[in-house]
Amino acid sequence: QVQLVESGGGSVQVGGSLSLSCASSGRTISVYIMGWFRQAPGKEREFVAGINWSGGIRNYADSVKGRFTISRDNAKSTVYLQMNSLKPEDTAVYYCAVAKLAYSNRVPLGPAEYGSWGQGTQVTVSS
């Protein structure tokens, strides 16, 4: 079993930046796709970004393309999400998650394809 802990959330103004981290412990995540999701009040959890086990394949939601960057450091068992040019609609609780399949190069978009989740970190963007 893997445990995930997100950090780096906070409050920023429009156009600002935040860097989220997701540290893992327990079972190694180095062979699994990792994803970032977010959930705003009253809305469903949505895919933000995903990265395959080697870091060579990345997938982003259209709403964050060009602004967010996902990366990973398998030696540190950590996944990152760099968020730039933040908008009020980016306000949400951000979660990292481990995909259920190992060694896959297909980044799944649905929450059901991820098996372990962190507790989330709040990101608030104000105008």
Foldseek 3Di string as FASTA:
>chain_A
DKAKAKDFADEEAAQAKIKMKIAMDDDQLLFWKKFKWWDDPPDDIWTAKIAGNVRPDIDGDPVQPPFKDWGDDSVRSMIMIIGGRDDQVVWTWMKMFTFPDGNDRDTDTDPVRTDDMYPTDTHGYHD
